[in-house]
């Protein structure tokens, strides 16, 4: 399902967000940069119309994949992102220890 979800990334020097628009509804996951090698995921929002469709998980997966590709570590302050990473052992290599 989430292979159909197009995710865009917006980032400046201190903050960024992953954004997905599905059926006219916007979901997002926001983060702050802590130096060059760490991002802090602070919020995930999926509107009710998109719940249960894997959109939030797709946002977290993309964040994990990007962090891995860029040599960054993730601090998941957002409870949803933390729960998703906890559920996926294959994603935990990007957690900041």
PDB file of N, CA and C in Angstrom:
ATOM      1  N   UNK A   1       0.820  -1.198   0.000  1.00  0.00           N
ATOM      2  CA  UNK A   1       0.000   0.000   0.000  1.00  0.00           C
ATOM      3  C   UNK A   1       0.858   1.252   0.000  1.00  0.00           C
ATOM      4  N   UNK A   2       1.837   1.328   0.905  1.00  0.00           N
ATOM      5  CA  UNK A   2       2.564   2.587   1.023  1.00  0.00           C
ATOM      6  C   UNK A   2       3.518   2.842  -0.139  1.00  0.00           C
ATOM      7  N   UNK A   3       3.688   1.873  -1.038  1.00  0.00           N
ATOM      8  CA  UNK A   3       4.513   2.132  -2.215  1.00  0.00           C
ATOM      9  C   UNK A   3       3.838   3.166  -3.122  1.00  0.00           C
ATOM     10  N   UNK A   4       2.514   3.359  -2.961  1.00  0.00           N
ATOM     11  CA  UNK A   4       1.787   4.329  -3.772  1.00  0.00           C
ATOM     12  C   UNK A   4       1.842   5.730  -3.171  1.00  0.00           C
ATOM     13  N   UNK A   5       2.355   5.849  -1.962  1.00  0.00           N
ATOM     14  CA  UNK A   5       2.340   7.128  -1.263  1.00  0.00           C
ATOM     15  C   UNK A   5       3.562   7.939  -1.668  1.00  0.00           C
ATOM     16  N   UNK A   6       3.313   9.095  -2.270  1.00  0.00           N
ATOM     17  CA  UNK A   6       4.412   9.972  -2.660  1.00  0.00           C
ATOM     18  C   UNK A   6       4.743  10.895  -1.502  1.00  0.00           C
ATOM     19  N   UNK A   7       6.009  10.889  -1.108  1.00  0.00           N
ATOM     20  CA  UNK A   7       6.452  11.678   0.035  1.00  0.00           C
ATOM     21  C   UNK A   7       7.453  12.721  -0.448  1.00  0.00           C
ATOM     22  N   UNK A   8       7.232  13.959  -0.047  1.00  0.00           N
ATOM     23  CA  UNK A   8       8.188  15.017  -0.364  1.00  0.00           C
ATOM     24  C   UNK A   8       8.866  15.449   0.930  1.00  0.00           C
ATOM     25  N   UNK A   9      10.064  15.999   0.778  1.00  0.00           N
ATOM     26  CA  UNK A   9      10.845  16.442   1.933  1.00  0.00           C
ATOM     27  C   UNK A   9      11.156  17.919   1.769  1.00  0.00           C
ATOM     28  N   UNK A  10      10.944  18.657   2.840  1.00  0.00           N
ATOM     29  CA  UNK A  10      11.325  20.068   2.885  1.00  0.00           C
ATOM     30  C   UNK A  10      12.267  20.218   4.061  1.00  0.00           C
ATOM     31  N   UNK A  11      13.410  20.853   3.833  1.00  0.00           N
ATOM     32  CA  UNK A  11      14.364  20.995   4.931  1.00  0.00           C
ATOM     33  C   UNK A  11      15.092  22.321   4.814  1.00  0.00           C
ATOM     34  N   UNK A  12      15.325  22.956   5.973  1.00  0.00           N
ATOM     35  CA  UNK A  12      16.198  24.118   6.006  1.00  0.00           C
ATOM     36  C   UNK A  12      17.341  23.796   6.968  1.00  0.00           C
ATOM     37  N   UNK A  13      18.030  24.790   7.446  1.00  0.00           N
ATOM     38  CA  UNK A  13      19.217  24.521   8.265  1.00  0.00           C
ATOM     39  C   UNK A  13      18.903  23.896   9.611  1.00  0.00           C
ATOM     40  N   UNK A  14      17.690  24.111  10.139  1.00  0.00           N
ATOM     41  CA  UNK A  14      17.390  23.624  11.483  1.00  0.00           C
ATOM     42  C   UNK A  14      16.215  22.662  11.565  1.00  0.00           C
ATOM     43  N   UNK A  15      15.329  22.717  10.607  1.00  0.00           N
ATOM     44  CA  UNK A  15      14.108  21.900  10.681  1.00  0.00           C
ATOM     45  C   UNK A  15      13.786  21.281   9.325  1.00  0.00           C
ATOM     46  N   UNK A  16      12.903  20.305   9.382  1.00  0.00           N
ATOM     47  CA  UNK A  16      12.447  19.709   8.141  1.00  0.00           C
ATOM     48  C   UNK A  16      11.135  19.001   8.353  1.00  0.00           C
ATOM     49  N   UNK A  17      10.547  18.589   7.233  1.00  0.00           N
ATOM     50  CA  UNK A  17       9.333  17.799   7.346  1.00  0.00           C
ATOM     51  C   UNK A  17       9.182  16.894   6.133  1.00  0.00           C
ATOM     52  N   UNK A  18       8.593  15.761   6.408  1.00  0.00           N
ATOM     53  CA  UNK A  18       8.184  14.833   5.370  1.00  0.00           C
ATOM     54  C   UNK A  18       6.685  15.035   5.198  1.00  0.00           C
ATOM     55  N   UNK A  19       6.240  15.112   3.952  1.00  0.00           N
ATOM     56  CA  UNK A  19       4.845  15.442   3.672  1.00  0.00           C
ATOM     57  C   UNK A  19       4.305  14.459   2.645  1.00  0.00           C
ATOM     58  N   UNK A  20       3.112  13.945   2.915  1.00  0.00           N
ATOM     59  CA  UNK A  20       2.427  13.071   1.966  1.00  0.00           C
ATOM     60  C   UNK A  20       1.009  13.597   1.788  1.00  0.00           C
ATOM     61  N   UNK A  21       0.575  13.691   0.546  1.00  0.00           N
ATOM     62  CA  UNK A  21      -0.801  14.073   0.264  1.00  0.00           C
ATOM     63  C   UNK A  21      -1.466  12.878  -0.409  1.00  0.00           C
ATOM     64  N   UNK A  22      -2.509  12.365   0.239  1.00  0.00           N
ATOM     65  CA  UNK A  22      -3.233  11.207  -0.273  1.00  0.00           C
ATOM     66  C   UNK A  22      -4.713  11.570  -0.328  1.00  0.00           C
ATOM     67  N   UNK A  23      -5.313  11.417  -1.494  1.00  0.00           N
ATOM     68  CA  UNK A  23      -6.734  11.739  -1.675  1.00  0.00           C
ATOM     69  C   UNK A  23      -7.068  13.140  -1.157  1.00  0.00           C
ATOM     70  N   UNK A  24      -6.165  14.083  -1.369  1.00  0.00           N
ATOM     71  CA  UNK A  24      -6.407  15.458  -0.974  1.00  0.00           C
ATOM     72  C   UNK A  24      -6.155  15.768   0.495  1.00  0.00           C
ATOM     73  N   UNK A  25      -5.731  14.776   1.273  1.00  0.00           N
ATOM     74  CA  UNK A  25      -5.454  14.981   2.698  1.00  0.00           C
ATOM     75  C   UNK A  25      -3.938  14.970   2.921  1.00  0.00           C
ATOM     76  N   UNK A  26      -3.458  15.904   3.746  1.00  0.00           N
ATOM     77  CA  UNK A  26      -2.023  16.015   3.997  1.00  0.00           C
ATOM     78  C   UNK A  26      -1.641  15.380   5.335  1.00  0.00           C
ATOM     79  N   UNK A  27      -0.628  14.529   5.281  1.00  0.00           N
ATOM     80  CA  UNK A  27      -0.029  13.966   6.494  1.00  0.00           C
ATOM     81  C   UNK A  27       1.408  14.470   6.538  1.00  0.00           C
ATOM     82  N   UNK A  28       1.963  14.588   7.752  1.00  0.00           N
ATOM     83  CA  UNK A  28       3.334  15.066   7.841  1.00  0.00           C
ATOM     84  C   UNK A  28       4.042  14.486   9.057  1.00  0.00           C
ATOM     85  N   UNK A  29       5.352  14.482   8.949  1.00  0.00           N
ATOM     86  CA  UNK A  29       6.227  14.143  10.076  1.00  0.00           C
ATOM     87  C   UNK A  29       7.287  15.224  10.117  1.00  0.00           C
ATOM     88  N   UNK A  30       7.409  15.899  11.253  1.00  0.00           N
ATOM     89  CA  UNK A  30       8.353  17.010  11.351  1.00  0.00           C
ATOM     90  C   UNK A  30       9.545  16.607  12.213  1.00  0.00           C
ATOM     91  N   UNK A  31      10.657  17.275  11.955  1.00  0.00           N
ATOM     92  CA  UNK A  31      11.871  16.997  12.721  1.00  0.00           C
ATOM     93  C   UNK A  31      12.725  18.240  12.827  1.00  0.00           C
ATOM     94  N   UNK A  32      13.600  18.201  13.805  1.00  0.00           N
ATOM     95  CA  UNK A  32      14.609  19.245  13.980  1.00  0.00           C
ATOM     96  C   UNK A  32      15.968  18.619  13.742  1.00  0.00           C
ATOM     97  N   UNK A  33      16.870  19.406  13.215  1.00  0.00           N
ATOM     98  CA  UNK A  33      18.246  18.928  13.031  1.00  0.00           C
ATOM     99  C   UNK A  33      19.052  19.290  14.271  1.00  0.00           C
ATOM    100  N   UNK A  34      19.828  18.327  14.735  1.00  0.00           N
ATOM    101  CA  UNK A  34      20.736  18.562  15.852  1.00  0.00           C
ATOM    102  C   UNK A  34      22.136  18.305  15.328  1.00  0.00           C
ATOM    103  N   UNK A  35      22.747  19.342  14.791  1.00  0.00           N
ATOM    104  CA  UNK A  35      24.047  19.153  14.151  1.00  0.00           C
ATOM    105  C   UNK A  35      23.869  18.495  12.797  1.00  0.00           C
ATOM    106  N   UNK A  36      24.964  18.022  12.232  1.00  0.00           N
ATOM    107  CA  UNK A  36      24.930  17.446  10.895  1.00  0.00           C
ATOM    108  C   UNK A  36      24.526  15.978  10.880  1.00  0.00           C
ATOM    109  N   UNK A  37      24.559  15.324  12.032  1.00  0.00           N
ATOM    110  CA  UNK A  37      24.394  13.879  12.007  1.00  0.00           C
ATOM    111  C   UNK A  37      23.198  13.349  12.783  1.00  0.00           C
ATOM    112  N   UNK A  38      22.366  14.229  13.331  1.00  0.00           N
ATOM    113  CA  UNK A  38      21.227  13.762  14.115  1.00  0.00           C
ATOM    114  C   UNK A  38      19.970  14.532  13.731  1.00  0.00           C
ATOM    115  N   UNK A  39      18.852  13.803  13.609  1.00  0.00           N
ATOM    116  CA  UNK A  39      17.564  14.457  13.479  1.00  0.00           C
ATOM    117  C   UNK A  39      16.678  13.993  14.633  1.00  0.00           C
ATOM    118  N   UNK A  40      15.850  14.909  15.100  1.00  0.00           N
ATOM    119  CA  UNK A  40      14.930  14.629  16.197  1.00  0.00           C
ATOM    120  C   UNK A  40      13.522  14.679  15.614  1.00  0.00           C
ATOM    121  N   UNK A  41      12.892  13.519  15.494  1.00  0.00           N
ATOM    122  CA  UNK A  41      11.515  13.479  14.994  1.00  0.00           C
ATOM    123  C   UNK A  41      10.621  13.922  16.148  1.00  0.00           C
ATOM    124  N   UNK A  42       9.906  15.043  15.937  1.00  0.00           N
ATOM    125  CA  UNK A  42       9.145  15.597  17.048  1.00  0.00           C
ATOM    126  C   UNK A  42       7.639  15.509  16.884  1.00  0.00           C
ATOM    127  N   UNK A  43       7.153  15.209  15.699  1.00  0.00           N
ATOM    128  CA  UNK A  43       5.693  15.196  15.520  1.00  0.00           C
ATOM    129  C   UNK A  43       5.330  14.432  14.255  1.00  0.00           C
ATOM    130  N   UNK A  44       4.286  13.636  14.349  1.00  0.00           N
ATOM    131  CA  UNK A  44       3.698  12.992  13.174  1.00  0.00           C
ATOM    132  C   UNK A  44       2.205  13.271  13.218  1.00  0.00           C
ATOM    133  N   UNK A  45       1.672  13.723  12.100  1.00  0.00           N
ATOM    134  CA  UNK A  45       0.231  13.975  12.030  1.00  0.00           C
ATOM    135  C   UNK A  45      -0.340  13.288  10.799  1.00  0.00           C
ATOM    136  N   UNK A  46      -1.321  12.434  11.029  1.00  0.00           N
ATOM    137  CA  UNK A  46      -2.074  11.797   9.948  1.00  0.00           C
ATOM    138  C   UNK A  46      -3.540  12.120  10.190  1.00  0.00           C
ATOM    139  N   UNK A  47      -4.206  12.782   9.239  1.00  0.00           N
ATOM    140  CA  UNK A  47      -5.607  13.117   9.451  1.00  0.00           C
ATOM    141  C   UNK A  47      -6.472  11.860   9.553  1.00  0.00           C
ATOM    142  N   UNK A  48      -7.599  11.993  10.233  1.00  0.00           N
ATOM    143  CA  UNK A  48      -8.493  10.849  10.441  1.00  0.00           C
ATOM    144  C   UNK A  48      -8.845  10.145   9.137  1.00  0.00           C
ATOM    145  N   UNK A  49      -9.009  10.909   8.066  1.00  0.00           N
ATOM    146  CA  UNK A  49      -9.400  10.326   6.772  1.00  0.00           C
ATOM    147  C   UNK A  49      -8.363   9.334   6.244  1.00  0.00           C
ATOM    148  N   UNK A  50      -7.121   9.432   6.719  1.00  0.00           N
ATOM    149  CA  UNK A  50      -6.049   8.563   6.216  1.00  0.00           C
ATOM    150  C   UNK A  50      -5.627   7.508   7.221  1.00  0.00           C
ATOM    151  N   UNK A  51      -6.212   7.494   8.389  1.00  0.00           N
ATOM    152  CA  UNK A  51      -5.786   6.524   9.413  1.00  0.00           C
ATOM    153  C   UNK A  51      -6.014   5.095   8.934  1.00  0.00           C
ATOM    154  N   UNK A  52      -5.084   4.223   9.331  1.00  0.00           N
ATOM    155  CA  UNK A  52      -5.210   2.821   8.975  1.00  0.00           C
ATOM    156  C   UNK A  52      -4.770   2.484   7.568  1.00  0.00           C
ATOM    157  N   UNK A  53      -4.192   3.437   6.865  1.00  0.00           N
ATOM    158  CA  UNK A  53      -3.778   3.207   5.478  1.00  0.00           C
ATOM    159  C   UNK A  53      -2.258   3.147   5.315  1.00  0.00           C
ATOM    160  N   UNK A  54      -1.532   3.155   6.421  1.00  0.00           N
ATOM    161  CA  UNK A  54      -0.077   3.006   6.336  1.00  0.00           C
ATOM    162  C   UNK A  54       0.675   4.283   6.023  1.00  0.00           C
ATOM    163  N   UNK A  55      -0.018   5.405   6.051  1.00  0.00           N
ATOM    164  CA  UNK A  55       0.621   6.676   5.685  1.00  0.00           C
ATOM    165  C   UNK A  55       1.664   7.079   6.731  1.00  0.00           C
ATOM    166  N   UNK A  56       1.307   7.005   8.000  1.00  0.00           N
ATOM    167  CA  UNK A  56       2.257   7.359   9.064  1.00  0.00           C
ATOM    168  C   UNK A  56       3.478   6.462   9.033  1.00  0.00           C
ATOM    169  N   UNK A  57       3.252   5.164   8.859  1.00  0.00           N
ATOM    170  CA  UNK A  57       4.381   4.232   8.785  1.00  0.00           C
ATOM    171  C   UNK A  57       5.260   4.544   7.588  1.00  0.00           C
ATOM    172  N   UNK A  58       4.652   4.919   6.471  1.00  0.00           N
ATOM    173  CA  UNK A  58       5.435   5.265   5.278  1.00  0.00           C
ATOM    174  C   UNK A  58       6.313   6.485   5.541  1.00  0.00           C
ATOM    175  N   UNK A  59       5.786   7.467   6.275  1.00  0.00           N
ATOM    176  CA  UNK A  59       6.569   8.657   6.604  1.00  0.00           C
ATOM    177  C   UNK A  59       7.778   8.281   7.466  1.00  0.00           C
ATOM    178  N   UNK A  60       7.547   7.450   8.486  1.00  0.00           N
ATOM    179  CA  UNK A  60       8.651   7.043   9.365  1.00  0.00           C
ATOM    180  C   UNK A  60       9.673   6.213   8.574  1.00  0.00           C
ATOM    181  N   UNK A  61       9.187   5.293   7.739  1.00  0.00           N
ATOM    182  CA  UNK A  61      10.101   4.470   6.934  1.00  0.00           C
ATOM    183  C   UNK A  61      11.005   5.352   6.071  1.00  0.00           C
ATOM    184  N   UNK A  62      10.407   6.370   5.436  1.00  0.00           N
ATOM    185  CA  UNK A  62      11.193   7.267   4.582  1.00  0.00           C
ATOM    186  C   UNK A  62      12.233   8.020   5.408  1.00  0.00           C
ATOM    187  N   UNK A  63      11.843   8.466   6.607  1.00  0.00           N
ATOM    188  CA  UNK A  63      12.802   9.138   7.490  1.00  0.00           C
ATOM    189  C   UNK A  63      13.959   8.226   7.848  1.00  0.00           C
ATOM    190  N   UNK A  64      13.645   6.969   8.139  1.00  0.00           N
ATOM    191  CA  UNK A  64      14.687   5.990   8.479  1.00  0.00           C
ATOM    192  C   UNK A  64      15.600   5.751   7.274  1.00  0.00           C
ATOM    193  N   UNK A  65      15.004   5.555   6.102  1.00  0.00           N
ATOM    194  CA  UNK A  65      15.806   5.305   4.891  1.00  0.00           C
ATOM    195  C   UNK A  65      16.709   6.488   4.580  1.00  0.00           C
ATOM    196  N   UNK A  66      16.171   7.704   4.699  1.00  0.00           N
ATOM    197  CA  UNK A  66      16.976   8.899   4.425  1.00  0.00           C
ATOM    198  C   UNK A  66      18.105   9.049   5.449  1.00  0.00           C
ATOM    199  N   UNK A  67      17.789   8.811   6.717  1.00  0.00           N
ATOM    200  CA  UNK A  67      18.813   8.918   7.758  1.00  0.00           C
ATOM    201  C   UNK A  67      19.943   7.934   7.473  1.00  0.00           C
ATOM    202  N   UNK A  68      19.588   6.719   7.120  1.00  0.00           N
ATOM    203  CA  UNK A  68      20.583   5.696   6.814  1.00  0.00           C
ATOM    204  C   UNK A  68      21.448   6.127   5.627  1.00  0.00           C
ATOM    205  N   UNK A  69      20.810   6.622   4.578  1.00  0.00           N
ATOM    206  CA  UNK A  69      21.535   7.024   3.364  1.00  0.00           C
ATOM    207  C   UNK A  69      22.444   8.223   3.613  1.00  0.00           C
ATOM    208  N   UNK A  70      22.049   9.095   4.552  1.00  0.00           N
ATOM    209  CA  UNK A  70      22.803  10.325   4.810  1.00  0.00           C
ATOM    210  C   UNK A  70      23.750  10.205   6.000  1.00  0.00           C
ATOM    211  N   UNK A  71      23.806   9.022   6.603  1.00  0.00           N
ATOM    212  CA  UNK A  71      24.688   8.832   7.752  1.00  0.00           C
ATOM    213  C   UNK A  71      24.217   9.569   8.991  1.00  0.00           C
ATOM    214  N   UNK A  72      22.915   9.770   9.108  1.00  0.00           N
ATOM    215  CA  UNK A  72      22.350  10.460  10.274  1.00  0.00           C
ATOM    216  C   UNK A  72      21.774   9.447  11.259  1.00  0.00           C
ATOM    217  N   UNK A  73      21.608   9.891  12.486  1.00  0.00           N
ATOM    218  CA  UNK A  73      20.934   9.110  13.513  1.00  0.00           C
ATOM    219  C   UNK A  73      19.632   9.808  13.865  1.00  0.00           C
ATOM    220  N   UNK A  74      18.681   9.035  14.398  1.00  0.00           N
ATOM    221  CA  UNK A  74      17.366   9.561  14.731  1.00  0.00           C
ATOM    222  C   UNK A  74      17.130   9.478  16.235  1.00  0.00           C
ATOM    223  N   UNK A  75      16.585  10.568  16.782  1.00  0.00           N
ATOM    224  CA  UNK A  75      16.061  10.571  18.143  1.00  0.00           C
ATOM    225  C   UNK A  75      14.539  10.713  17.978  1.00  0.00           C
ATOM    226  N   UNK A  76      13.758   9.643  18.233  1.00  0.00           N
ATOM    227  CA  UNK A  76      12.316   9.714  18.007  1.00  0.00           C
ATOM    228  C   UNK A  76      11.558  10.215  19.239  1.00  0.00           C
ATOM    229  N   UNK A  77      11.443  11.530  19.388  1.00  0.00           N
ATOM    230  CA  UNK A  77      10.672  12.077  20.500  1.00  0.00           C
ATOM    231  C   UNK A  77       9.174  11.882  20.287  1.00  0.00           C
ATOM    232  N   UNK A  78       8.751  11.837  19.052  1.00  0.00           N
ATOM    233  CA  UNK A  78       7.345  11.615  18.725  1.00  0.00           C
ATOM    234  C   UNK A  78       6.963  10.182  19.121  1.00  0.00           C
ATOM    235  N   UNK A  79       5.933  10.017  19.953  1.00  0.00           N
ATOM    236  CA  UNK A  79       5.556   8.662  20.388  1.00  0.00           C
ATOM    237  C   UNK A  79       5.200   7.730  19.229  1.00  0.00           C
ATOM    238  N   UNK A  80       4.557   8.256  18.195  1.00  0.00           N
ATOM    239  CA  UNK A  80       4.203   7.410  17.054  1.00  0.00           C
ATOM    240  C   UNK A  80       5.457   6.917  16.338  1.00  0.00           C
ATOM    241  N   UNK A  81       6.390   7.828  16.051  1.00  0.00           N
ATOM    242  CA  UNK A  81       7.624   7.430  15.365  1.00  0.00           C
ATOM    243  C   UNK A  81       8.413   6.439  16.214  1.00  0.00           C
ATOM    244  N   UNK A  82       8.467   6.673  17.515  1.00  0.00           N
ATOM    245  CA  UNK A  82       9.187   5.759  18.402  1.00  0.00           C
ATOM    246  C   UNK A  82       8.556   4.364  18.367  1.00  0.00           C
ATOM    247  N   UNK A  83       7.225   4.312  18.411  1.00  0.00           N
ATOM    248  CA  UNK A  83       6.530   3.019  18.380  1.00  0.00           C
ATOM    249  C   UNK A  83       6.790   2.294  17.058  1.00  0.00           C
ATOM    250  N   UNK A  84       6.793   3.035  15.955  1.00  0.00           N
ATOM    251  CA  UNK A  84       7.051   2.408  14.656  1.00  0.00           C
ATOM    252  C   UNK A  84       8.465   1.838  14.592  1.00  0.00           C
ATOM    253  N   UNK A  85       9.436   2.606  15.052  1.00  0.00           N
ATOM    254  CA  UNK A  85      10.824   2.135  15.024  1.00  0.00           C
ATOM    255  C   UNK A  85      10.994   0.944  15.970  1.00  0.00           C
ATOM    256  N   UNK A  86      10.338   1.000  17.137  1.00  0.00           N
ATOM    257  CA  UNK A  86      10.401  -0.124  18.076  1.00  0.00           C
ATOM    258  C   UNK A  86       9.842  -1.400  17.455  1.00  0.00           C
ATOM    259  N   UNK A  87       8.818  -1.266  16.598  1.00  0.00           N
ATOM    260  CA  UNK A  87       8.183  -2.425  15.965  1.00  0.00           C
ATOM    261  C   UNK A  87       8.998  -3.007  14.819  1.00  0.00           C
ATOM    262  N   UNK A  88       9.981  -2.274  14.344  1.00  0.00           N
ATOM    263  CA  UNK A  88      10.760  -2.704  13.177  1.00  0.00           C
ATOM    264  C   UNK A  88      12.240  -2.809  13.553  1.00  0.00           C
ATOM    265  N   UNK A  89      12.677  -3.988  13.983  1.00  0.00           N
ATOM    266  CA  UNK A  89      14.088  -4.151  14.372  1.00  0.00           C
ATOM    267  C   UNK A  89      15.061  -3.739  13.269  1.00  0.00           C
ATOM    268  N   UNK A  90      14.652  -3.901  12.017  1.00  0.00           N
ATOM    269  CA  UNK A  90      15.545  -3.566  10.897  1.00  0.00           C
ATOM    270  C   UNK A  90      15.736  -2.062  10.735  1.00  0.00           C
ATOM    271  N   UNK A  91      14.974  -1.258  11.457  1.00  0.00           N
ATOM    272  CA  UNK A  91      15.125   0.199  11.405  1.00  0.00           C
ATOM    273  C   UNK A  91      15.987   0.722  12.540  1.00  0.00           C
ATOM    274  N   UNK A  92      16.284  -0.099  13.535  1.00  0.00           N
ATOM    275  CA  UNK A  92      16.877   0.414  14.756  1.00  0.00           C
ATOM    276  C   UNK A  92      18.364   0.762  14.645  1.00  0.00           C
ATOM    277  N   UNK A  93      18.967   0.428  13.514  1.00  0.00           N
ATOM    278  CA  UNK A  93      20.365   0.813  13.320  1.00  0.00           C
ATOM    279  C   UNK A  93      20.540   2.328  13.229  1.00  0.00           C
ATOM    280  N   UNK A  94      19.474   3.056  12.963  1.00  0.00           N
ATOM    281  CA  UNK A  94      19.593   4.513  12.846  1.00  0.00           C
ATOM    282  C   UNK A  94      19.265   5.251  14.149  1.00  0.00           C
ATOM    283  N   UNK A  95      18.910   4.500  15.187  1.00  0.00           N
ATOM    284  CA  UNK A  95      18.612   5.156  16.468  1.00  0.00           C
ATOM    285  C   UNK A  95      19.874   5.717  17.092  1.00  0.00           C
ATOM    286  N   UNK A  96      19.763   6.906  17.623  1.00  0.00           N
ATOM    287  CA  UNK A  96      20.889   7.511  18.343  1.00  0.00           C
ATOM    288  C   UNK A  96      21.017   6.785  19.686  1.00  0.00           C
ATOM    289  N   UNK A  97      22.205   6.246  19.964  1.00  0.00           N
ATOM    290  CA  UNK A  97      22.391   5.418  21.152  1.00  0.00           C
ATOM    291  C   UNK A  97      22.508   6.171  22.434  1.00  0.00           C
TER     292      UNK A  97
END
